[in-house]
Amino acid sequence: MTLLSCADPPFLVFGYDQPPEGYNPFVDPDLPTPQAAFENFKYWVSGYYDHPDLASRSIHGLNFDKRGSRPSVDNMTEEETAANFDPVAAARTETPMFFQMQPVLKILAQTCLFDEKVTSDVLPQLEVVYLYCAKAQWYCLWGMIETERQYKEHLKLGHKVRPIRFLEIEGGNHFVSLEICCR
């Protein structure tokens, strides 16, 4: 294996702490039940967001709106919606990632991407291509910003870490593959 593609992952998959500034759709006080939060999540995660200053690579350059414009879920068939937003599957797989798994995910991501011994011994030819969507909700863009910051910091210090190419999908939201491929 020589290439790993990361397709617009949220900061949670890397075990990064959530900045206090950002909207959290899972603990929104306006959504009193898990069902209401899950229903809102479909719209929040699939919207298009205009970020005031993505180029700044700062948390303050991101849009924290509760909903973006033109959510992809509005263009999905019932079958696509069911396949992409399954509450039973989400409770089993996504919920643990958001909460219990954070410390382990942080260790794994740091080791896989930035540990010099691991990156030279395990899949030493592996390059990471990090695709990020410029109109995605802030969770995904914060993941890119923080990963890019750490990557540049390691390079500045002369560390031999896993090579990462950051590629922007201009105008894309988190469901860019569905928007491009299936319409």
Protein backbone atom coordinates (compact mmCIF):
# COMPACT_ATOMS: atom_id res chain seq x y z
CA MET A 1 0.00 0.00 0.00
CA THR A 2 1.41 3.36 -1.02
CA LEU A 3 -1.53 5.75 -0.80
CA LEU A 4 -4.09 6.46 1.89
CA SER A 5 -6.92 8.82 1.02
CA CYS A 6 -8.69 10.66 3.83
CA ALA A 7 -11.99 12.00 2.48
CA ASP A 8 -13.09 15.03 4.49
CA PRO A 9 -12.84 13.44 7.95
CA PRO A 10 -14.11 15.30 11.01
CA PHE A 11 -11.70 16.27 13.78
CA LEU A 12 -13.17 13.49 15.92
CA VAL A 13 -11.50 10.69 13.94
CA PHE A 14 -8.13 12.09 15.03
CA GLY A 15 -9.13 12.37 18.68
CA TYR A 16 -8.73 16.16 18.68
CA ASP A 17 -10.44 18.11 21.43
CA GLN A 18 -13.49 20.10 20.41
CA PRO A 19 -12.83 23.82 20.51
CA PRO A 20 -15.31 25.60 22.79
CA GLU A 21 -16.27 28.05 20.02
CA GLY A 22 -17.98 25.54 17.78
CA TYR A 23 -21.57 24.42 17.52
CA ASN A 24 -22.07 20.84 18.71
CA PRO A 25 -25.12 19.23 17.10
CA PHE A 26 -25.07 16.41 19.66
CA VAL A 27 -25.62 18.60 22.71
CA ASP A 28 -27.80 21.35 21.25
CA PRO A 29 -30.18 22.42 24.06
CA ASP A 30 -32.83 23.23 21.42
CA LEU A 31 -32.97 19.52 20.54
CA PRO A 32 -34.43 17.78 23.59
CA THR A 33 -34.40 14.17 22.36
CA PRO A 34 -31.86 11.90 20.65
CA GLN A 35 -34.27 11.61 17.71
CA ALA A 36 -34.42 15.40 17.32
CA ALA A 37 -30.61 15.62 17.45
CA PHE A 38 -30.24 12.86 14.87
CA GLU A 39 -32.82 14.49 12.57
CA ASN A 40 -30.98 17.82 12.85
CA PHE A 41 -27.64 16.10 12.24
CA LYS A 42 -28.72 15.08 8.71
CA TYR A 43 -29.20 18.71 7.77
CA TRP A 44 -26.20 20.06 9.67
CA VAL A 45 -23.69 17.57 8.27
CA SER A 46 -24.92 17.79 4.67
CA GLY A 47 -25.23 21.56 4.33
CA TYR A 48 -23.02 23.98 2.45
CA TYR A 49 -21.26 26.52 4.66
CA ASP A 50 -19.61 29.78 3.67
CA HIS A 51 -16.63 30.13 5.97
CA PRO A 52 -15.60 33.74 6.59
CA ASP A 53 -11.85 33.08 6.49
CA LEU A 54 -10.83 29.48 5.78
CA ALA A 55 -7.47 30.72 4.51
CA SER A 56 -6.59 31.94 8.02
CA ARG A 57 -6.52 28.33 9.21
CA SER A 58 -8.03 29.55 12.46
CA ILE A 59 -11.04 28.27 14.36
CA HIS A 60 -12.34 31.85 14.16
CA GLY A 61 -12.36 31.67 10.37
CA LEU A 62 -15.02 28.95 10.37
CA ASN A 63 -18.81 29.14 10.19
CA PHE A 64 -20.61 27.65 13.22
CA ASP A 65 -24.18 27.97 11.96
CA LYS A 66 -26.61 25.28 13.10
CA ARG A 67 -27.52 24.63 9.47
CA GLY A 68 -25.87 25.38 6.17
CA SER A 69 -27.57 26.13 2.88
CA ARG A 70 -28.81 23.57 0.35
CA PRO A 71 -28.37 20.42 2.50
CA SER A 72 -27.58 17.38 0.37
CA VAL A 73 -30.13 15.36 2.32
CA ASP A 74 -32.85 17.37 0.57
CA ASN A 75 -31.69 15.89 -2.76
CA MET A 76 -31.49 12.29 -1.59
CA THR A 77 -34.00 9.59 -2.37
CA GLU A 78 -35.57 7.76 0.57
CA GLU A 79 -33.17 4.87 -0.07
CA GLU A 80 -30.11 7.16 -0.09
CA THR A 81 -31.27 8.87 3.09
CA ALA A 82 -31.80 5.51 4.80
CA ALA A 83 -28.36 4.30 3.67
CA ASN A 84 -26.55 7.47 4.77
CA PHE A 85 -28.45 8.18 7.99
CA ASP A 86 -29.20 4.96 9.82
CA PRO A 87 -29.82 5.77 13.51
CA VAL A 88 -29.13 2.19 14.67
CA ALA A 89 -25.81 2.05 12.83
CA ALA A 90 -24.89 5.54 14.04
CA ALA A 91 -25.54 4.59 17.66
CA ARG A 92 -23.31 1.56 17.25
CA THR A 93 -20.43 3.15 15.31
CA GLU A 94 -20.52 6.95 15.33
CA THR A 95 -21.55 7.62 18.91
CA PRO A 96 -18.58 5.75 20.43
CA MET A 97 -16.22 7.70 18.12
CA PHE A 98 -17.65 10.97 19.38
CA PHE A 99 -17.21 10.13 23.02
CA GLN A 100 -15.59 6.98 24.45
CA MET A 101 -13.02 6.38 21.70
CA GLN A 102 -11.47 9.88 21.65
CA PRO A 103 -8.36 9.09 23.76
CA VAL A 104 -7.55 5.97 21.71
CA LEU A 105 -8.16 7.69 18.39
CA LYS A 106 -5.78 10.48 19.42
CA ILE A 107 -2.99 8.01 20.19
CA LEU A 108 -3.57 6.07 16.96
CA ALA A 109 -3.66 9.16 14.74
CA GLN A 110 -0.57 10.72 16.33
CA THR A 111 1.33 7.44 16.03
CA CYS A 112 0.27 6.68 12.47
CA LEU A 113 0.94 10.16 11.10
CA PHE A 114 3.70 11.67 13.20
CA ASP A 115 5.72 8.99 15.04
CA GLU A 116 9.09 8.85 13.25
CA LYS A 117 9.80 5.22 14.12
CA VAL A 118 6.37 3.99 13.08
CA THR A 119 6.31 5.97 9.85
CA SER A 120 9.72 4.61 8.85
CA ASP A 121 9.03 1.00 9.90
CA VAL A 122 5.34 0.48 9.03
CA LEU A 123 4.36 1.17 5.42
CA PRO A 124 7.33 3.50 4.89
CA GLN A 125 6.26 4.32 1.30
CA LEU A 126 2.77 5.35 2.36
CA GLU A 127 1.64 8.84 1.41
CA VAL A 128 -1.53 10.37 2.82
CA VAL A 129 -3.77 12.46 0.61
CA TYR A 130 -6.08 14.55 2.75
CA LEU A 131 -9.11 15.73 0.79
CA TYR A 132 -11.12 18.51 2.39
CA CYS A 133 -14.27 20.22 1.22
CA ALA A 134 -14.23 24.01 1.45
CA LYS A 135 -18.00 24.19 2.07
CA ALA A 136 -18.23 21.37 4.64
CA GLN A 137 -19.40 21.96 8.20
CA TRP A 138 -16.72 23.08 10.61
CA TYR A 139 -16.06 19.64 12.17
CA CYS A 140 -14.39 18.46 8.98
CA LEU A 141 -12.49 21.67 8.32
CA TRP A 142 -11.20 21.81 11.88
CA GLY A 143 -9.85 18.28 11.38
CA MET A 144 -7.92 19.47 8.31
CA ILE A 145 -6.71 22.68 9.95
CA GLU A 146 -5.40 20.91 13.04
CA THR A 147 -3.81 18.05 11.09
CA GLU A 148 -2.15 20.49 8.69
CA ARG A 149 -0.89 22.60 11.61
CA GLN A 150 0.64 19.60 13.35
CA TYR A 151 2.12 18.32 10.10
CA LYS A 152 3.82 21.65 9.36
CA GLU A 153 5.03 21.87 12.94
CA HIS A 154 6.69 18.44 12.70
CA LEU A 155 8.32 19.33 9.37
CA LYS A 156 9.59 22.62 10.81
CA LEU A 157 11.22 20.66 13.62
CA GLY A 158 12.88 18.36 11.07
CA HIS A 159 10.86 15.27 11.99
CA LYS A 160 10.55 12.56 9.36
CA VAL A 161 6.82 12.00 9.43
CA ARG A 162 4.30 10.49 7.06
CA PRO A 163 4.00 12.69 3.93
CA ILE A 164 0.58 14.35 3.73
CA ARG A 165 -0.81 16.26 0.73
CA PHE A 166 -3.75 18.49 1.53
CA LEU A 167 -6.11 18.92 -1.41
CA GLU A 168 -9.09 21.26 -1.33
CA ILE A 169 -12.30 20.35 -3.09
CA GLU A 170 -13.42 23.88 -3.88
CA GLY A 171 -17.16 24.36 -3.50
CA GLY A 172 -17.67 20.84 -2.14
CA ASN A 173 -19.55 19.93 1.00
CA HIS A 174 -19.16 16.77 3.10
CA PHE A 175 -21.37 14.84 0.65
CA VAL A 176 -19.37 15.91 -2.40
CA SER A 177 -19.07 12.31 -3.67
CA LEU A 178 -22.84 11.93 -3.70
CA GLU A 179 -23.34 15.34 -5.26
CA ILE A 180 -20.80 14.69 -8.05
CA CYS A 181 -21.17 10.98 -8.74
CA CYS A 182 -24.81 10.33 -8.35
CA ARG A 183 -26.59 13.33 -9.87
